[in-house]
């Protein structure tokens, strides 16, 4: 047995890993990218705002981090007006092999290109950066959760060092040191779980550091310090259905993201609902008067409103968090107050 982090790393990205399979992620779950072309259109609009903030550089980069099979980068480049498209360059960052037939103008890379100017967009990427899981034992001690290839779990050693410091700051769990060492308090805390998001903090900081100037955006299901789920969020997906997470390469393994912990100074958090509405995606129904004057246009507008409603729905895709991180420019999507500056635990 081993911790969930190394087990997930091999199950997702190893030689026979889930993300190496030919059907790609789209064969197993539906993201905002697959829900509607309105999403790519909104991201293209955001790229245009970044372009304006950058002063219309000779080369404008769009970096699709965790690109799957390149669906988003292709759609974004297609949605750009001709003048912007003529300067735009697409980068797809993915560990899997380049898919056949991908536009030759899109560069396929294992890591973000260094020093480019533009928009780095990580849609449902951080939730697949593997993390370890911790569970409180019968004595109130947080211990590393170990897992076998068939998904069977057992508790390992107590968590210490940098991981313990991260938990203390970002996802505190009851511990005997807190004065809760009695049998009653220990048993009430038994079974509480957390996911150690420190590798995601590091991964996001590295991605942002690769951007020369522009905006980095991470989009994911997440939670903040005021509402961490008491039993964690680790789960699996296979063929469109949620399933038990089994680290054998047969399913996706994912966990929601502590986006507030990932944020660097100047970062902003907002919901997908807020972000997309600012970028022109609204689920409002078209006026009924349009049905009388132009029935075909009304039907098209109604279909678009339905897709927009799905992208912005409460309890669904609209609840995704957007973390925006400007690099060398003002945030072109200033919808939320900057996050308060907080010292992070030492790595």
C-alpha atoms as a PDB file:
ATOM      1  CA  UNK A   1       0.000   0.000   0.000  1.00  0.00           C
ATOM      2  CA  UNK A   2       1.020   3.610  -0.550  1.00  0.00           C
ATOM      3  CA  UNK A   3      -0.419   7.093  -0.210  1.00  0.00           C
ATOM      4  CA  UNK A   4      -3.121   8.357  -2.552  1.00  0.00           C
ATOM      5  CA  UNK A   5      -0.771  10.845  -4.178  1.00  0.00           C
ATOM      6  CA  UNK A   6       1.713   8.361  -5.719  1.00  0.00           C
ATOM      7  CA  UNK A   7      -1.081   5.868  -6.391  1.00  0.00           C
ATOM      8  CA  UNK A   8      -3.105   8.488  -8.297  1.00  0.00           C
ATOM      9  CA  UNK A   9      -0.048   9.714 -10.186  1.00  0.00           C
ATOM     10  CA  UNK A  10       0.542   6.257 -11.639  1.00  0.00           C
ATOM     11  CA  UNK A  11      -3.162   5.517 -12.176  1.00  0.00           C
ATOM     12  CA  UNK A  12      -3.734   8.718 -14.170  1.00  0.00           C
ATOM     13  CA  UNK A  13      -0.419   9.414 -15.873  1.00  0.00           C
ATOM     14  CA  UNK A  14       1.583   6.176 -15.839  1.00  0.00           C
ATOM     15  CA  UNK A  15       2.228   4.149 -19.018  1.00  0.00           C
ATOM     16  CA  UNK A  16      -1.235   2.543 -18.738  1.00  0.00           C
ATOM     17  CA  UNK A  17      -2.849   5.490 -16.980  1.00  0.00           C
ATOM     18  CA  UNK A  18      -6.362   6.789 -17.445  1.00  0.00           C
ATOM     19  CA  UNK A  19      -5.249   9.959 -19.229  1.00  0.00           C
ATOM     20  CA  UNK A  20      -3.185   7.964 -21.713  1.00  0.00           C
ATOM     21  CA  UNK A  21      -6.262   6.179 -23.046  1.00  0.00           C
ATOM     22  CA  UNK A  22      -7.213   6.991 -26.657  1.00  0.00           C
ATOM     23  CA  UNK A  23     -10.748   8.213 -25.911  1.00  0.00           C
ATOM     24  CA  UNK A  24      -9.420  10.959 -23.647  1.00  0.00           C
ATOM     25  CA  UNK A  25     -11.290  12.607 -20.760  1.00  0.00           C
ATOM     26  CA  UNK A  26     -14.295  13.464 -22.952  1.00  0.00           C
ATOM     27  CA  UNK A  27     -15.068   9.758 -23.180  1.00  0.00           C
ATOM     28  CA  UNK A  28     -15.823   9.658 -19.459  1.00  0.00           C
ATOM     29  CA  UNK A  29     -17.066  13.036 -18.235  1.00  0.00           C
ATOM     30  CA  UNK A  30     -18.479  16.281 -19.555  1.00  0.00           C
ATOM     31  CA  UNK A  31     -16.813  19.602 -18.780  1.00  0.00           C
ATOM     32  CA  UNK A  32     -17.881  23.154 -19.597  1.00  0.00           C
ATOM     33  CA  UNK A  33     -15.857  22.844 -22.812  1.00  0.00           C
ATOM     34  CA  UNK A  34     -18.065  19.984 -23.988  1.00  0.00           C
ATOM     35  CA  UNK A  35     -21.325  21.461 -22.669  1.00  0.00           C
ATOM     36  CA  UNK A  36     -21.481  24.374 -25.100  1.00  0.00           C
ATOM     37  CA  UNK A  37     -19.393  26.360 -27.587  1.00  0.00           C
ATOM     38  CA  UNK A  38     -20.449  29.399 -25.559  1.00  0.00           C
ATOM     39  CA  UNK A  39     -17.736  28.500 -23.052  1.00  0.00           C
ATOM     40  CA  UNK A  40     -14.945  28.685 -25.628  1.00  0.00           C
ATOM     41  CA  UNK A  41     -16.489  31.892 -26.937  1.00  0.00           C
ATOM     42  CA  UNK A  42     -16.317  33.417 -23.456  1.00  0.00           C
ATOM     43  CA  UNK A  43     -12.690  32.327 -23.053  1.00  0.00           C
ATOM     44  CA  UNK A  44     -11.938  33.875 -26.460  1.00  0.00           C
ATOM     45  CA  UNK A  45     -13.509  37.118 -25.225  1.00  0.00           C
ATOM     46  CA  UNK A  46     -11.311  36.963 -22.132  1.00  0.00           C
ATOM     47  CA  UNK A  47      -8.277  36.470 -24.375  1.00  0.00           C
ATOM     48  CA  UNK A  48      -9.291  39.624 -26.257  1.00  0.00           C
ATOM     49  CA  UNK A  49      -9.450  41.533 -22.962  1.00  0.00           C
ATOM     50  CA  UNK A  50      -5.978  40.257 -22.093  1.00  0.00           C
ATOM     51  CA  UNK A  51      -4.788  41.271 -25.563  1.00  0.00           C
ATOM     52  CA  UNK A  52      -6.035  44.798 -24.939  1.00  0.00           C
ATOM     53  CA  UNK A  53      -4.375  44.954 -21.510  1.00  0.00           C
ATOM     54  CA  UNK A  54      -1.105  43.793 -23.082  1.00  0.00           C
ATOM     55  CA  UNK A  55      -1.260  46.486 -25.759  1.00  0.00           C
ATOM     56  CA  UNK A  56      -1.934  44.101 -28.659  1.00  0.00           C
ATOM     57  CA  UNK A  57       1.419  42.265 -28.801  1.00  0.00           C
ATOM     58  CA  UNK A  58       2.798  40.872 -32.076  1.00  0.00           C
ATOM     59  CA  UNK A  59       2.300  37.355 -30.659  1.00  0.00           C
ATOM     60  CA  UNK A  60      -0.601  36.603 -28.336  1.00  0.00           C
ATOM     61  CA  UNK A  61      -0.435  33.254 -26.554  1.00  0.00           C
ATOM     62  CA  UNK A  62      -3.312  31.076 -25.485  1.00  0.00           C
ATOM     63  CA  UNK A  63      -2.026  28.294 -23.237  1.00  0.00           C
ATOM     64  CA  UNK A  64      -4.526  25.481 -22.607  1.00  0.00           C
ATOM     65  CA  UNK A  65      -3.174  23.769 -19.490  1.00  0.00           C
ATOM     66  CA  UNK A  66      -4.512  20.233 -19.105  1.00  0.00           C
ATOM     67  CA  UNK A  67      -5.689  20.319 -22.711  1.00  0.00           C
ATOM     68  CA  UNK A  68      -7.241  16.850 -22.945  1.00  0.00           C
ATOM     69  CA  UNK A  69      -7.380  16.326 -26.704  1.00  0.00           C
ATOM     70  CA  UNK A  70      -7.126  20.028 -27.538  1.00  0.00           C
ATOM     71  CA  UNK A  71     -10.863  20.750 -27.665  1.00  0.00           C
ATOM     72  CA  UNK A  72     -10.687  24.133 -25.903  1.00  0.00           C
ATOM     73  CA  UNK A  73      -7.624  25.575 -27.643  1.00  0.00           C
ATOM     74  CA  UNK A  74      -9.053  24.685 -31.051  1.00  0.00           C
ATOM     75  CA  UNK A  75     -12.402  26.278 -30.266  1.00  0.00           C
ATOM     76  CA  UNK A  76     -10.892  29.430 -28.745  1.00  0.00           C
ATOM     77  CA  UNK A  77      -8.653  30.102 -31.745  1.00  0.00           C
ATOM     78  CA  UNK A  78     -11.615  29.528 -34.065  1.00  0.00           C
ATOM     79  CA  UNK A  79     -13.753  32.014 -32.111  1.00  0.00           C
ATOM     80  CA  UNK A  80     -11.271  34.894 -32.391  1.00  0.00           C
ATOM     81  CA  UNK A  81     -11.810  37.699 -34.915  1.00  0.00           C
ATOM     82  CA  UNK A  82      -9.408  37.628 -37.851  1.00  0.00           C
ATOM     83  CA  UNK A  83      -7.120  40.416 -36.640  1.00  0.00           C
ATOM     84  CA  UNK A  84      -6.578  38.778 -33.255  1.00  0.00           C
ATOM     85  CA  UNK A  85      -6.378  35.272 -34.721  1.00  0.00           C
ATOM     86  CA  UNK A  86      -3.582  36.391 -37.041  1.00  0.00           C
ATOM     87  CA  UNK A  87      -1.434  37.178 -33.982  1.00  0.00           C
ATOM     88  CA  UNK A  88      -2.616  34.341 -31.742  1.00  0.00           C
ATOM     89  CA  UNK A  89      -0.599  31.223 -31.061  1.00  0.00           C
ATOM     90  CA  UNK A  90      -2.081  28.177 -29.363  1.00  0.00           C
ATOM     91  CA  UNK A  91      -0.263  25.954 -26.912  1.00  0.00           C
ATOM     92  CA  UNK A  92      -1.794  22.710 -25.638  1.00  0.00           C
ATOM     93  CA  UNK A  93      -0.132  21.425 -22.461  1.00  0.00           C
ATOM     94  CA  UNK A  94      -0.859  17.762 -21.821  1.00  0.00           C
ATOM     95  CA  UNK A  95       1.009  14.602 -20.840  1.00  0.00           C
ATOM     96  CA  UNK A  96      -0.810  12.405 -23.339  1.00  0.00           C
ATOM     97  CA  UNK A  97       0.417  12.149 -26.933  1.00  0.00           C
ATOM     98  CA  UNK A  98      -0.632  14.734 -29.497  1.00  0.00           C
ATOM     99  CA  UNK A  99      -3.938  13.683 -31.091  1.00  0.00           C
ATOM    100  CA  UNK A 100      -4.026  12.998 -34.803  1.00  0.00           C
ATOM    101  CA  UNK A 101      -5.437  15.770 -36.955  1.00  0.00           C
ATOM    102  CA  UNK A 102      -4.819  18.606 -34.519  1.00  0.00           C
ATOM    103  CA  UNK A 103      -4.280  21.971 -36.232  1.00  0.00           C
ATOM    104  CA  UNK A 104      -0.568  22.283 -37.021  1.00  0.00           C
ATOM    105  CA  UNK A 105      -0.587  25.840 -35.655  1.00  0.00           C
ATOM    106  CA  UNK A 106      -1.172  24.471 -32.138  1.00  0.00           C
ATOM    107  CA  UNK A 107       2.021  23.500 -30.342  1.00  0.00           C
ATOM    108  CA  UNK A 108       1.715  20.378 -28.145  1.00  0.00           C
ATOM    109  CA  UNK A 109       3.874  20.538 -25.002  1.00  0.00           C
ATOM    110  CA  UNK A 110       4.375  18.598 -21.753  1.00  0.00           C
ATOM    111  CA  UNK A 111       4.858  21.837 -19.780  1.00  0.00           C
ATOM    112  CA  UNK A 112       3.745  25.473 -20.192  1.00  0.00           C
ATOM    113  CA  UNK A 113       5.930  27.490 -22.581  1.00  0.00           C
ATOM    114  CA  UNK A 114       8.156  29.939 -20.668  1.00  0.00           C
ATOM    115  CA  UNK A 115       7.915  33.694 -20.968  1.00  0.00           C
ATOM    116  CA  UNK A 116       4.926  34.044 -23.320  1.00  0.00           C
ATOM    117  CA  UNK A 117       2.444  36.927 -23.189  1.00  0.00           C
ATOM    118  CA  UNK A 118      -1.248  36.101 -23.157  1.00  0.00           C
ATOM    119  CA  UNK A 119      -3.789  33.931 -21.344  1.00  0.00           C
ATOM    120  CA  UNK A 120      -2.959  30.704 -19.523  1.00  0.00           C
ATOM    121  CA  UNK A 121      -6.193  28.805 -18.888  1.00  0.00           C
ATOM    122  CA  UNK A 122      -6.351  25.689 -16.709  1.00  0.00           C
ATOM    123  CA  UNK A 123      -9.843  24.204 -16.961  1.00  0.00           C
ATOM    124  CA  UNK A 124     -10.324  21.291 -14.544  1.00  0.00           C
ATOM    125  CA  UNK A 125      -6.575  20.738 -14.320  1.00  0.00           C
ATOM    126  CA  UNK A 126      -5.794  21.302 -10.654  1.00  0.00           C
ATOM    127  CA  UNK A 127      -8.360  18.715  -9.525  1.00  0.00           C
ATOM    128  CA  UNK A 128      -6.251  16.091 -11.301  1.00  0.00           C
ATOM    129  CA  UNK A 129      -2.989  17.130  -9.658  1.00  0.00           C
ATOM    130  CA  UNK A 130      -2.665  14.168  -7.258  1.00  0.00           C
ATOM    131  CA  UNK A 131      -2.882  14.778  -3.512  1.00  0.00           C
ATOM    132  CA  UNK A 132      -2.532  12.690  -0.405  1.00  0.00           C
ATOM    133  CA  UNK A 133      -5.506  12.020   1.856  1.00  0.00           C
ATOM    134  CA  UNK A 134      -5.524  12.250   5.642  1.00  0.00           C
ATOM    135  CA  UNK A 135      -7.973  10.676   8.101  1.00  0.00           C
ATOM    136  CA  UNK A 136      -8.374  11.166  11.849  1.00  0.00           C
ATOM    137  CA  UNK A 137      -7.936   7.914  13.745  1.00  0.00           C
ATOM    138  CA  UNK A 138      -9.733   6.687  16.889  1.00  0.00           C
ATOM    139  CA  UNK A 139      -7.285   8.658  19.079  1.00  0.00           C
ATOM    140  CA  UNK A 140      -7.855  11.921  17.229  1.00  0.00           C
ATOM    141  CA  UNK A 141      -4.563  11.754  15.304  1.00  0.00           C
ATOM    142  CA  UNK A 142      -4.550  12.700  11.571  1.00  0.00           C
ATOM    143  CA  UNK A 143      -2.863   9.893   9.635  1.00  0.00           C
ATOM    144  CA  UNK A 144      -1.948   9.370   6.005  1.00  0.00           C
ATOM    145  CA  UNK A 145      -4.451   7.174   4.172  1.00  0.00           C
ATOM    146  CA  UNK A 146      -2.791   4.289   2.301  1.00  0.00           C
ATOM    147  CA  UNK A 147      -4.448   2.569  -0.647  1.00  0.00           C
ATOM    148  CA  UNK A 148      -4.029  -0.709  -2.526  1.00  0.00           C
ATOM    149  CA  UNK A 149      -4.489  -1.053  -6.318  1.00  0.00           C
ATOM    150  CA  UNK A 150      -8.030  -2.372  -5.743  1.00  0.00           C
ATOM    151  CA  UNK A 151      -8.998   0.702  -3.693  1.00  0.00           C
ATOM    152  CA  UNK A 152      -8.745  -0.913  -0.252  1.00  0.00           C
ATOM    153  CA  UNK A 153      -7.572   1.627   2.326  1.00  0.00           C
ATOM    154  CA  UNK A 154      -5.667   1.551   5.608  1.00  0.00           C
ATOM    155  CA  UNK A 155      -4.245   4.221   7.906  1.00  0.00           C
ATOM    156  CA  UNK A 156      -0.515   4.884   7.855  1.00  0.00           C
ATOM    157  CA  UNK A 157       1.805   7.141   9.815  1.00  0.00           C
ATOM    158  CA  UNK A 158       0.774  10.428  11.451  1.00  0.00           C
ATOM    159  CA  UNK A 159       1.124  13.426   9.156  1.00  0.00           C
ATOM    160  CA  UNK A 160       4.095  15.671   9.892  1.00  0.00           C
ATOM    161  CA  UNK A 161       6.391  18.303   8.438  1.00  0.00           C
ATOM    162  CA  UNK A 162       5.243  20.587   5.626  1.00  0.00           C
ATOM    163  CA  UNK A 163       2.049  18.606   5.076  1.00  0.00           C
ATOM    164  CA  UNK A 164       1.029  19.022   8.708  1.00  0.00           C
ATOM    165  CA  UNK A 165       1.742  22.749   8.510  1.00  0.00           C
ATOM    166  CA  UNK A 166      -0.369  23.041   5.358  1.00  0.00           C
ATOM    167  CA  UNK A 167      -3.264  21.253   7.062  1.00  0.00           C
ATOM    168  CA  UNK A 168      -2.978  23.414  10.149  1.00  0.00           C
ATOM    169  CA  UNK A 169      -3.258  26.575   8.051  1.00  0.00           C
ATOM    170  CA  UNK A 170      -5.676  25.589   5.307  1.00  0.00           C
ATOM    171  CA  UNK A 171      -7.671  22.538   6.460  1.00  0.00           C
ATOM    172  CA  UNK A 172      -7.318  22.098  10.232  1.00  0.00           C
ATOM    173  CA  UNK A 173      -8.446  18.798  11.727  1.00  0.00           C
ATOM    174  CA  UNK A 174      -9.063  18.060  15.424  1.00  0.00           C
ATOM    175  CA  UNK A 175      -5.913  16.843  17.154  1.00  0.00           C
ATOM    176  CA  UNK A 176      -5.095  15.849  20.746  1.00  0.00           C
ATOM    177  CA  UNK A 177      -2.701  18.803  20.897  1.00  0.00           C
ATOM    178  CA  UNK A 178      -5.754  21.068  20.610  1.00  0.00           C
ATOM    179  CA  UNK A 179      -6.945  19.861  24.007  1.00  0.00           C
ATOM    180  CA  UNK A 180      -9.359  17.370  22.444  1.00  0.00           C
ATOM    181  CA  UNK A 181      -7.669  14.194  23.662  1.00  0.00           C
ATOM    182  CA  UNK A 182     -10.555  12.823  25.678  1.00  0.00           C
ATOM    183  CA  UNK A 183     -12.195   9.626  24.504  1.00  0.00           C
ATOM    184  CA  UNK A 184     -15.413  11.442  23.644  1.00  0.00           C
ATOM    185  CA  UNK A 185     -13.788  14.195  21.570  1.00  0.00           C
ATOM    186  CA  UNK A 186     -11.436  11.771  19.835  1.00  0.00           C
ATOM    187  CA  UNK A 187     -14.243   9.442  18.835  1.00  0.00           C
ATOM    188  CA  UNK A 188     -16.338  12.347  17.533  1.00  0.00           C
ATOM    189  CA  UNK A 189     -13.471  13.392  15.248  1.00  0.00           C
ATOM    190  CA  UNK A 190     -12.697   9.846  14.084  1.00  0.00           C
ATOM    191  CA  UNK A 191     -13.140   9.414  10.351  1.00  0.00           C
ATOM    192  CA  UNK A 192     -12.855  13.101   9.429  1.00  0.00           C
ATOM    193  CA  UNK A 193     -10.780  13.468   6.268  1.00  0.00           C
ATOM    194  CA  UNK A 194      -8.863  16.113   4.371  1.00  0.00           C
ATOM    195  CA  UNK A 195      -6.867  16.312   1.151  1.00  0.00           C
ATOM    196  CA  UNK A 196      -3.414  17.889   1.379  1.00  0.00           C
ATOM    197  CA  UNK A 197      -3.470  20.525  -1.357  1.00  0.00           C
ATOM    198  CA  UNK A 198       0.191  21.529  -1.109  1.00  0.00           C
ATOM    199  CA  UNK A 199       1.167  19.888  -4.465  1.00  0.00           C
ATOM    200  CA  UNK A 200      -1.551  21.951  -6.161  1.00  0.00           C
ATOM    201  CA  UNK A 201      -0.249  25.156  -4.623  1.00  0.00           C
ATOM    202  CA  UNK A 202       3.178  24.311  -6.028  1.00  0.00           C
ATOM    203  CA  UNK A 203       1.837  23.307  -9.442  1.00  0.00           C
ATOM    204  CA  UNK A 204      -0.185  26.503  -9.786  1.00  0.00           C
ATOM    205  CA  UNK A 205       2.723  28.715  -8.685  1.00  0.00           C
ATOM    206  CA  UNK A 206       4.938  27.006 -11.279  1.00  0.00           C
ATOM    207  CA  UNK A 207       2.356  27.513 -14.046  1.00  0.00           C
ATOM    208  CA  UNK A 208       1.934  31.193 -13.193  1.00  0.00           C
ATOM    209  CA  UNK A 209       5.707  31.679 -13.056  1.00  0.00           C
ATOM    210  CA  UNK A 210       5.993  30.413 -16.648  1.00  0.00           C
ATOM    211  CA  UNK A 211       3.802  33.271 -17.902  1.00  0.00           C
ATOM    212  CA  UNK A 212       5.825  36.324 -18.931  1.00  0.00           C
ATOM    213  CA  UNK A 213       2.895  38.766 -18.899  1.00  0.00           C
ATOM    214  CA  UNK A 214      -0.834  38.290 -19.019  1.00  0.00           C
ATOM    215  CA  UNK A 215      -3.463  36.443 -17.030  1.00  0.00           C
ATOM    216  CA  UNK A 216      -3.516  32.939 -15.567  1.00  0.00           C
ATOM    217  CA  UNK A 217      -6.912  31.394 -14.776  1.00  0.00           C
ATOM    218  CA  UNK A 218      -7.674  28.155 -12.948  1.00  0.00           C
ATOM    219  CA  UNK A 219     -11.246  26.826 -13.178  1.00  0.00           C
ATOM    220  CA  UNK A 220     -12.365  23.991 -10.920  1.00  0.00           C
ATOM    221  CA  UNK A 221     -14.863  22.736  -8.410  1.00  0.00           C
ATOM    222  CA  UNK A 222     -13.468  23.973  -5.132  1.00  0.00           C
ATOM    223  CA  UNK A 223     -14.035  24.962  -1.529  1.00  0.00           C
ATOM    224  CA  UNK A 224     -12.675  27.636   0.760  1.00  0.00           C
ATOM    225  CA  UNK A 225     -11.467  27.775   4.324  1.00  0.00           C
ATOM    226  CA  UNK A 226     -14.922  28.538   5.659  1.00  0.00           C
ATOM    227  CA  UNK A 227     -16.547  25.454   4.155  1.00  0.00           C
ATOM    228  CA  UNK A 228     -14.143  22.545   3.843  1.00  0.00           C
ATOM    229  CA  UNK A 229     -16.036  19.242   3.403  1.00  0.00           C
ATOM    230  CA  UNK A 230     -15.636  17.190   6.598  1.00  0.00           C
ATOM    231  CA  UNK A 231     -15.002  13.895   4.815  1.00  0.00           C
ATOM    232  CA  UNK A 232     -13.060  15.147   1.807  1.00  0.00           C
ATOM    233  CA  UNK A 233     -14.042  14.977  -1.849  1.00  0.00           C
ATOM    234  CA  UNK A 234     -11.924  12.222  -3.379  1.00  0.00           C
ATOM    235  CA  UNK A 235     -13.950  10.341  -5.993  1.00  0.00           C
ATOM    236  CA  UNK A 236     -13.790   8.604  -9.359  1.00  0.00           C
ATOM    237  CA  UNK A 237     -15.508   8.897 -12.743  1.00  0.00           C
ATOM    238  CA  UNK A 238     -15.941   6.299 -15.432  1.00  0.00           C
ATOM    239  CA  UNK A 239     -18.079   6.483 -18.602  1.00  0.00           C
ATOM    240  CA  UNK A 240     -20.015   9.497 -17.403  1.00  0.00           C
ATOM    241  CA  UNK A 241     -20.826   8.138 -13.949  1.00  0.00           C
ATOM    242  CA  UNK A 242     -19.366   8.805 -10.543  1.00  0.00           C
ATOM    243  CA  UNK A 243     -17.722   5.718  -9.111  1.00  0.00           C
ATOM    244  CA  UNK A 244     -15.455   4.631  -6.284  1.00  0.00           C
ATOM    245  CA  UNK A 245     -11.884   5.877  -6.795  1.00  0.00           C
ATOM    246  CA  UNK A 246      -9.740   2.857  -7.628  1.00  0.00           C
ATOM    247  CA  UNK A 247      -6.100   3.593  -8.564  1.00  0.00           C
ATOM    248  CA  UNK A 248      -5.744   0.950 -11.274  1.00  0.00           C
ATOM    249  CA  UNK A 249      -6.032   3.173 -14.365  1.00  0.00           C
ATOM    250  CA  UNK A 250      -9.661   2.246 -15.024  1.00  0.00           C
ATOM    251  CA  UNK A 251     -11.209   5.545 -13.898  1.00  0.00           C
ATOM    252  CA  UNK A 252     -10.547   9.203 -13.379  1.00  0.00           C
ATOM    253  CA  UNK A 253      -9.516  10.103  -9.817  1.00  0.00           C
ATOM    254  CA  UNK A 254     -10.281  13.638  -8.736  1.00  0.00           C
ATOM    255  CA  UNK A 255     -10.746  15.821  -5.674  1.00  0.00           C
ATOM    256  CA  UNK A 256     -12.062  19.350  -5.332  1.00  0.00           C
ATOM    257  CA  UNK A 257      -9.523  22.152  -5.034  1.00  0.00           C
ATOM    258  CA  UNK A 258      -8.719  24.512  -2.156  1.00  0.00           C
ATOM    259  CA  UNK A 259      -8.433  27.433  -4.569  1.00  0.00           C
ATOM    260  CA  UNK A 260      -7.908  29.948  -1.776  1.00  0.00           C
ATOM    261  CA  UNK A 261      -4.752  28.082  -0.775  1.00  0.00           C
ATOM    262  CA  UNK A 262      -3.486  28.066  -4.373  1.00  0.00           C
ATOM    263  CA  UNK A 263      -3.943  31.805  -4.852  1.00  0.00           C
ATOM    264  CA  UNK A 264      -0.832  33.962  -5.060  1.00  0.00           C
ATOM    265  CA  UNK A 265      -0.730  37.655  -4.054  1.00  0.00           C
ATOM    266  CA  UNK A 266      -3.154  39.616  -6.222  1.00  0.00           C
ATOM    267  CA  UNK A 267      -5.244  36.551  -7.027  1.00  0.00           C
ATOM    268  CA  UNK A 268      -9.030  36.822  -7.169  1.00  0.00           C
ATOM    269  CA  UNK A 269     -11.747  34.242  -6.624  1.00  0.00           C
ATOM    270  CA  UNK A 270     -15.162  34.336  -8.254  1.00  0.00           C
ATOM    271  CA  UNK A 271     -17.742  31.860  -9.436  1.00  0.00           C
ATOM    272  CA  UNK A 272     -18.052  30.676 -13.024  1.00  0.00           C
ATOM    273  CA  UNK A 273     -21.522  32.191 -12.945  1.00  0.00           C
ATOM    274  CA  UNK A 274     -20.063  35.662 -12.259  1.00  0.00           C
ATOM    275  CA  UNK A 275     -17.204  35.280 -14.729  1.00  0.00           C
ATOM    276  CA  UNK A 276     -19.296  34.065 -17.650  1.00  0.00           C
ATOM    277  CA  UNK A 277     -21.992  36.676 -17.158  1.00  0.00           C
ATOM    278  CA  UNK A 278     -19.315  39.383 -17.320  1.00  0.00           C
ATOM    279  CA  UNK A 279     -18.031  37.794 -20.528  1.00  0.00           C
ATOM    280  CA  UNK A 280     -21.479  37.908 -22.109  1.00  0.00           C
ATOM    281  CA  UNK A 281     -22.867  34.447 -21.340  1.00  0.00           C
ATOM    282  CA  UNK A 282     -26.359  34.735 -19.871  1.00  0.00           C
ATOM    283  CA  UNK A 283     -29.089  32.183 -19.390  1.00  0.00           C
ATOM    284  CA  UNK A 284     -31.816  34.806 -19.790  1.00  0.00           C
ATOM    285  CA  UNK A 285     -34.586  33.800 -22.188  1.00  0.00           C
ATOM    286  CA  UNK A 286     -34.937  35.905 -25.356  1.00  0.00           C
ATOM    287  CA  UNK A 287     -37.937  38.283 -25.487  1.00  0.00           C
ATOM    288  CA  UNK A 288     -41.153  36.714 -26.720  1.00  0.00           C
ATOM    289  CA  UNK A 289     -41.535  39.571 -29.203  1.00  0.00           C
ATOM    290  CA  UNK A 290     -38.629  38.058 -31.149  1.00  0.00           C
ATOM    291  CA  UNK A 291     -40.701  34.912 -31.702  1.00  0.00           C
ATOM    292  CA  UNK A 292     -43.264  36.969 -33.580  1.00  0.00           C
ATOM    293  CA  UNK A 293     -40.815  39.001 -35.665  1.00  0.00           C
ATOM    294  CA  UNK A 294     -38.131  36.357 -36.342  1.00  0.00           C
ATOM    295  CA  UNK A 295     -39.115  32.832 -35.252  1.00  0.00           C
ATOM    296  CA  UNK A 296     -35.851  31.226 -36.444  1.00  0.00           C
ATOM    297  CA  UNK A 297     -33.765  33.745 -34.522  1.00  0.00           C
ATOM    298  CA  UNK A 298     -35.925  33.158 -31.448  1.00  0.00           C
ATOM    299  CA  UNK A 299     -35.326  29.390 -31.607  1.00  0.00           C
ATOM    300  CA  UNK A 300     -31.568  29.930 -31.928  1.00  0.00           C
ATOM    301  CA  UNK A 301     -31.545  32.397 -29.051  1.00  0.00           C
ATOM    302  CA  UNK A 302     -33.611  30.037 -26.903  1.00  0.00           C
ATOM    303  CA  UNK A 303     -31.170  27.182 -27.542  1.00  0.00           C
ATOM    304  CA  UNK A 304     -28.257  29.452 -26.653  1.00  0.00           C
ATOM    305  CA  UNK A 305     -30.004  30.553 -23.467  1.00  0.00           C
ATOM    306  CA  UNK A 306     -30.427  26.901 -22.476  1.00  0.00           C
ATOM    307  CA  UNK A 307     -26.727  26.192 -22.976  1.00  0.00           C
ATOM    308  CA  UNK A 308     -25.810  29.360 -21.089  1.00  0.00           C
ATOM    309  CA  UNK A 309     -28.125  28.347 -18.250  1.00  0.00           C
ATOM    310  CA  UNK A 310     -26.283  25.023 -17.941  1.00  0.00           C
ATOM    311  CA  UNK A 311     -22.899  26.755 -17.830  1.00  0.00           C
ATOM    312  CA  UNK A 312     -24.042  29.157 -15.104  1.00  0.00           C
ATOM    313  CA  UNK A 313     -26.437  26.934 -13.145  1.00  0.00           C
ATOM    314  CA  UNK A 314     -26.404  26.923  -9.361  1.00  0.00           C
ATOM    315  CA  UNK A 315     -25.633  23.463  -8.075  1.00  0.00           C
ATOM    316  CA  UNK A 316     -23.891  22.666 -11.365  1.00  0.00           C
ATOM    317  CA  UNK A 317     -21.249  24.147 -13.644  1.00  0.00           C
ATOM    318  CA  UNK A 318     -21.991  27.668 -12.449  1.00  0.00           C
ATOM    319  CA  UNK A 319     -20.574  26.738  -9.045  1.00  0.00           C
ATOM    320  CA  UNK A 320     -17.094  26.200 -10.423  1.00  0.00           C
ATOM    321  CA  UNK A 321     -14.547  28.571  -8.931  1.00  0.00           C
ATOM    322  CA  UNK A 322     -12.390  30.823 -11.111  1.00  0.00           C
ATOM    323  CA  UNK A 323      -9.022  31.879  -9.726  1.00  0.00           C
ATOM    324  CA  UNK A 324      -7.613  34.754 -11.784  1.00  0.00           C
ATOM    325  CA  UNK A 325      -3.944  35.647 -11.391  1.00  0.00           C
ATOM    326  CA  UNK A 326      -2.694  38.705 -13.326  1.00  0.00           C
ATOM    327  CA  UNK A 327       0.991  38.824 -14.256  1.00  0.00           C
ATOM    328  CA  UNK A 328       2.344  42.262 -15.114  1.00  0.00           C
ATOM    329  CA  UNK A 329      -1.100  43.678 -16.072  1.00  0.00           C
ATOM    330  CA  UNK A 330      -4.241  44.744 -14.212  1.00  0.00           C
ATOM    331  CA  UNK A 331      -6.813  41.980 -13.923  1.00  0.00           C
ATOM    332  CA  UNK A 332      -9.064  42.461 -16.969  1.00  0.00           C
ATOM    333  CA  UNK A 333     -11.917  40.698 -15.146  1.00  0.00           C
ATOM    334  CA  UNK A 334     -12.067  42.588 -11.821  1.00  0.00           C
ATOM    335  CA  UNK A 335     -15.204  41.155 -10.275  1.00  0.00           C
ATOM    336  CA  UNK A 336     -14.084  40.282  -6.785  1.00  0.00           C
ATOM    337  CA  UNK A 337     -11.937  41.947  -4.177  1.00  0.00           C
ATOM    338  CA  UNK A 338      -8.333  40.715  -4.069  1.00  0.00           C
ATOM    339  CA  UNK A 339      -7.803  37.887  -1.623  1.00  0.00           C
ATOM    340  CA  UNK A 340      -6.260  38.988   1.688  1.00  0.00           C
ATOM    341  CA  UNK A 341      -2.530  38.425   1.823  1.00  0.00           C
ATOM    342  CA  UNK A 342      -1.639  35.391   3.915  1.00  0.00           C
ATOM    343  CA  UNK A 343       1.644  33.775   4.649  1.00  0.00           C
ATOM    344  CA  UNK A 344       1.852  30.236   3.357  1.00  0.00           C
ATOM    345  CA  UNK A 345       3.514  27.426   5.292  1.00  0.00           C
ATOM    346  CA  UNK A 346       7.072  26.705   4.296  1.00  0.00           C
ATOM    347  CA  UNK A 347       7.400  23.968   1.663  1.00  0.00           C
END
